[in-house]
Amino acid sequence: MKGLPVMKHDAAGPTLLRQLTYRLVAFTLVFAVLDIGLVVWTYVSQPEALGEQLLTLEASKLEHSPVLTPDELTGPPGAP
């Protein structure tokens, strides 16, 4: 009894899966570089605004935290 014919793979070019993998990796790298570039550009152009936003976010988290008492939320003497 003869078996099924063995399909040989053409070594001249990459398989479809390999092509898709290369394209996905390339797209992911391009997206990551663009994303990091956008974040760095935003930070370089507006460092004060981003710093204020971060402090406001952290203050909001602390304000709603059940661990701190109202006396601890007032801050040191002379703080606004």
N, C-alpha and C. Protein backbone atom coordinates (compact mmCIF):
# COMPACT_ATOMS: atom_id res chain seq x y z
N MET A 1 0.85 -1.16 0.00
CA MET A 1 0.00 0.00 0.00
C MET A 1 0.90 1.23 0.00
N LYS A 2 0.59 2.13 -0.87
CA LYS A 2 1.36 3.36 -0.97
C LYS A 2 0.84 4.38 0.04
N GLY A 3 1.78 5.19 0.58
CA GLY A 3 1.40 6.25 1.52
C GLY A 3 1.01 7.51 0.77
N LEU A 4 0.64 8.49 1.49
CA LEU A 4 0.29 9.78 0.89
C LEU A 4 1.55 10.44 0.34
N PRO A 5 1.40 11.19 -0.73
CA PRO A 5 2.58 11.85 -1.28
C PRO A 5 3.09 12.92 -0.31
N VAL A 6 4.38 13.00 -0.20
CA VAL A 6 5.00 13.98 0.69
C VAL A 6 5.14 15.28 -0.09
N MET A 7 4.57 16.34 0.46
CA MET A 7 4.68 17.64 -0.20
C MET A 7 5.96 18.30 0.27
N LYS A 8 6.79 18.60 -0.66
CA LYS A 8 8.05 19.24 -0.31
C LYS A 8 7.88 20.74 -0.37
N HIS A 9 8.56 21.36 0.49
CA HIS A 9 8.51 22.79 0.68
C HIS A 9 9.57 23.45 -0.20
N ASP A 10 9.20 24.48 -0.93
CA ASP A 10 10.17 25.16 -1.79
C ASP A 10 11.09 26.01 -0.92
N ALA A 11 12.36 25.75 -0.97
CA ALA A 11 13.33 26.46 -0.14
C ALA A 11 13.66 27.84 -0.68
N ALA A 12 13.10 28.21 -1.82
CA ALA A 12 13.43 29.49 -2.43
C ALA A 12 12.86 30.67 -1.65
N GLY A 13 11.71 30.52 -1.04
CA GLY A 13 11.08 31.64 -0.35
C GLY A 13 10.54 31.24 1.01
N PRO A 14 10.33 32.23 1.85
CA PRO A 14 9.80 31.92 3.19
C PRO A 14 8.33 31.51 3.12
N THR A 15 7.90 30.80 4.13
CA THR A 15 6.51 30.36 4.19
C THR A 15 5.61 31.54 4.52
N LEU A 16 4.34 31.34 4.34
CA LEU A 16 3.37 32.40 4.64
C LEU A 16 3.41 32.76 6.12
N LEU A 17 3.54 31.75 6.98
CA LEU A 17 3.60 32.02 8.41
C LEU A 17 4.83 32.86 8.76
N ARG A 18 5.94 32.55 8.15
CA ARG A 18 7.16 33.31 8.41
C ARG A 18 7.03 34.75 7.90
N GLN A 19 6.39 34.94 6.75
CA GLN A 19 6.17 36.29 6.22
C GLN A 19 5.28 37.10 7.16
N LEU A 20 4.21 36.46 7.63
CA LEU A 20 3.31 37.15 8.55
C LEU A 20 4.02 37.49 9.86
N THR A 21 4.86 36.58 10.34
CA THR A 21 5.60 36.83 11.57
C THR A 21 6.54 38.01 11.41
N TYR A 22 7.27 38.05 10.30
CA TYR A 22 8.19 39.17 10.05
C TYR A 22 7.44 40.49 9.98
N ARG A 23 6.32 40.49 9.30
CA ARG A 23 5.55 41.73 9.19
C ARG A 23 4.97 42.17 10.53
N LEU A 24 4.51 41.22 11.32
CA LEU A 24 3.98 41.56 12.64
C LEU A 24 5.07 42.11 13.55
N VAL A 25 6.24 41.50 13.52
CA VAL A 25 7.35 41.99 14.34
C VAL A 25 7.77 43.38 13.88
N ALA A 26 7.85 43.59 12.57
CA ALA A 26 8.24 44.90 12.04
C ALA A 26 7.22 45.96 12.42
N PHE A 27 5.94 45.65 12.27
CA PHE A 27 4.89 46.60 12.64
C PHE A 27 4.94 46.92 14.13
N THR A 28 5.15 45.91 14.96
CA THR A 28 5.22 46.12 16.41
C THR A 28 6.40 47.02 16.77
N LEU A 29 7.54 46.79 16.15
CA LEU A 29 8.72 47.63 16.43
C LEU A 29 8.50 49.07 15.99
N VAL A 30 7.92 49.26 14.81
CA VAL A 30 7.65 50.62 14.33
C VAL A 30 6.67 51.32 15.26
N PHE A 31 5.62 50.62 15.67
CA PHE A 31 4.64 51.21 16.58
C PHE A 31 5.28 51.57 17.92
N ALA A 32 6.12 50.70 18.46
CA ALA A 32 6.77 50.97 19.74
C ALA A 32 7.69 52.18 19.64
N VAL A 33 8.45 52.28 18.56
CA VAL A 33 9.36 53.42 18.38
C VAL A 33 8.56 54.72 18.26
N LEU A 34 7.48 54.70 17.49
CA LEU A 34 6.65 55.90 17.36
C LEU A 34 6.00 56.27 18.68
N ASP A 35 5.53 55.30 19.42
CA ASP A 35 4.89 55.56 20.71
C ASP A 35 5.90 56.16 21.70
N ILE A 36 7.07 55.60 21.78
CA ILE A 36 8.10 56.13 22.69
C ILE A 36 8.51 57.52 22.24
N GLY A 37 8.65 57.73 20.94
CA GLY A 37 8.99 59.05 20.44
C GLY A 37 7.94 60.09 20.79
N LEU A 38 6.67 59.74 20.70
CA LEU A 38 5.59 60.66 21.05
C LEU A 38 5.63 61.01 22.53
N VAL A 39 5.85 60.03 23.38
CA VAL A 39 5.91 60.29 24.82
C VAL A 39 7.10 61.19 25.15
N VAL A 40 8.26 60.91 24.57
CA VAL A 40 9.44 61.72 24.83
C VAL A 40 9.23 63.14 24.33
N TRP A 41 8.68 63.30 23.13
CA TRP A 41 8.43 64.63 22.58
C TRP A 41 7.45 65.40 23.46
N THR A 42 6.40 64.74 23.93
CA THR A 42 5.43 65.40 24.79
C THR A 42 6.08 65.83 26.10
N TYR A 43 6.91 64.99 26.67
CA TYR A 43 7.56 65.32 27.93
C TYR A 43 8.55 66.47 27.75
N VAL A 44 9.31 66.44 26.65
CA VAL A 44 10.30 67.49 26.42
C VAL A 44 9.62 68.83 26.18
N SER A 45 8.48 68.83 25.50
CA SER A 45 7.82 70.09 25.17
C SER A 45 7.01 70.66 26.33
N GLN A 46 6.57 69.84 27.28
CA GLN A 46 5.73 70.32 28.38
C GLN A 46 6.10 69.64 29.71
N PRO A 47 7.31 69.77 30.22
CA PRO A 47 7.65 69.05 31.45
C PRO A 47 6.89 69.56 32.68
N GLU A 48 6.62 70.86 32.74
CA GLU A 48 5.93 71.40 33.91
C GLU A 48 4.48 70.91 33.97
N ALA A 49 3.81 70.92 32.83
CA ALA A 49 2.41 70.50 32.80
C ALA A 49 2.28 69.02 33.16
N LEU A 50 3.18 68.19 32.65
CA LEU A 50 3.12 66.77 32.98
C LEU A 50 3.43 66.53 34.45
N GLY A 51 4.38 67.30 35.01
CA GLY A 51 4.70 67.17 36.42
C GLY A 51 3.51 67.54 37.30
N GLU A 52 2.82 68.62 36.93
CA GLU A 52 1.64 69.04 37.68
C GLU A 52 0.52 68.00 37.60
N GLN A 53 0.34 67.42 36.41
CA GLN A 53 -0.68 66.39 36.25
C GLN A 53 -0.37 65.17 37.11
N LEU A 54 0.89 64.78 37.16
CA LEU A 54 1.29 63.64 37.98
C LEU A 54 1.04 63.92 39.46
N LEU A 55 1.42 65.10 39.92
CA LEU A 55 1.19 65.45 41.33
C LEU A 55 -0.29 65.50 41.65
N THR A 56 -1.09 66.06 40.75
CA THR A 56 -2.54 66.11 40.97
C THR A 56 -3.13 64.71 41.05
N LEU A 57 -2.68 63.82 40.17
CA LEU A 57 -3.17 62.44 40.18
C LEU A 57 -2.80 61.74 41.48
N GLU A 58 -1.55 61.90 41.92
CA GLU A 58 -1.12 61.26 43.16
C GLU A 58 -1.86 61.84 44.36
N ALA A 59 -2.08 63.16 44.38
CA ALA A 59 -2.81 63.79 45.48
C ALA A 59 -4.25 63.28 45.53
N SER A 60 -4.85 63.09 44.36
CA SER A 60 -6.21 62.57 44.31
C SER A 60 -6.28 61.15 44.86
N LYS A 61 -5.28 60.33 44.52
CA LYS A 61 -5.24 58.96 45.05
C LYS A 61 -5.11 58.98 46.57
N LEU A 62 -4.24 59.84 47.07
CA LEU A 62 -4.04 59.91 48.52
C LEU A 62 -5.29 60.43 49.22
N GLU A 63 -5.97 61.38 48.61
CA GLU A 63 -7.16 61.97 49.23
C GLU A 63 -8.26 60.93 49.43
N HIS A 64 -8.37 60.00 48.50
CA HIS A 64 -9.41 58.97 48.58
C HIS A 64 -8.91 57.68 49.23
N SER A 65 -7.71 57.70 49.76
CA SER A 65 -7.15 56.53 50.40
C SER A 65 -7.73 56.37 51.81
N PRO A 66 -8.18 55.18 52.17
CA PRO A 66 -8.75 54.99 53.51
C PRO A 66 -7.67 54.88 54.60
N VAL A 67 -6.41 54.84 54.22
CA VAL A 67 -5.33 54.63 55.18
C VAL A 67 -4.96 55.93 55.90
N LEU A 68 -5.04 57.07 55.22
CA LEU A 68 -4.60 58.33 55.80
C LEU A 68 -5.74 59.03 56.54
N THR A 69 -5.40 59.67 57.63
CA THR A 69 -6.37 60.45 58.39
C THR A 69 -6.41 61.86 57.82
N PRO A 70 -7.45 62.64 58.13
CA PRO A 70 -7.50 64.02 57.63
C PRO A 70 -6.32 64.87 58.08
N ASP A 71 -5.78 64.60 59.27
CA ASP A 71 -4.62 65.36 59.74
C ASP A 71 -3.39 65.07 58.88
N GLU A 72 -3.26 63.85 58.42
CA GLU A 72 -2.11 63.48 57.58
C GLU A 72 -2.24 64.07 56.17
N LEU A 73 -3.45 64.39 55.74
CA LEU A 73 -3.65 64.92 54.41
C LEU A 73 -3.33 66.41 54.32
N THR A 74 -3.24 67.09 55.45
CA THR A 74 -2.99 68.54 55.40
C THR A 74 -1.59 68.88 54.98
N GLY A 75 -0.63 67.99 55.20
CA GLY A 75 0.74 68.25 54.80
C GLY A 75 1.52 68.97 55.87
N PRO A 76 2.75 69.35 55.56
CA PRO A 76 3.57 70.03 56.55
C PRO A 76 3.11 71.45 56.78
N PRO A 77 3.54 72.08 57.86
CA PRO A 77 3.16 73.48 58.12
C PRO A 77 3.65 74.38 56.98
N GLY A 78 2.79 75.28 56.56
CA GLY A 78 3.13 76.20 55.48
C GLY A 78 2.80 75.67 54.09
N ALA A 79 2.36 74.43 53.99
CA ALA A 79 2.01 73.87 52.68
C ALA A 79 0.64 74.39 52.28
N PRO A 80 0.45 74.66 51.00
CA PRO A 80 -0.88 75.17 50.55
C PRO A 80 -1.95 74.13 50.62
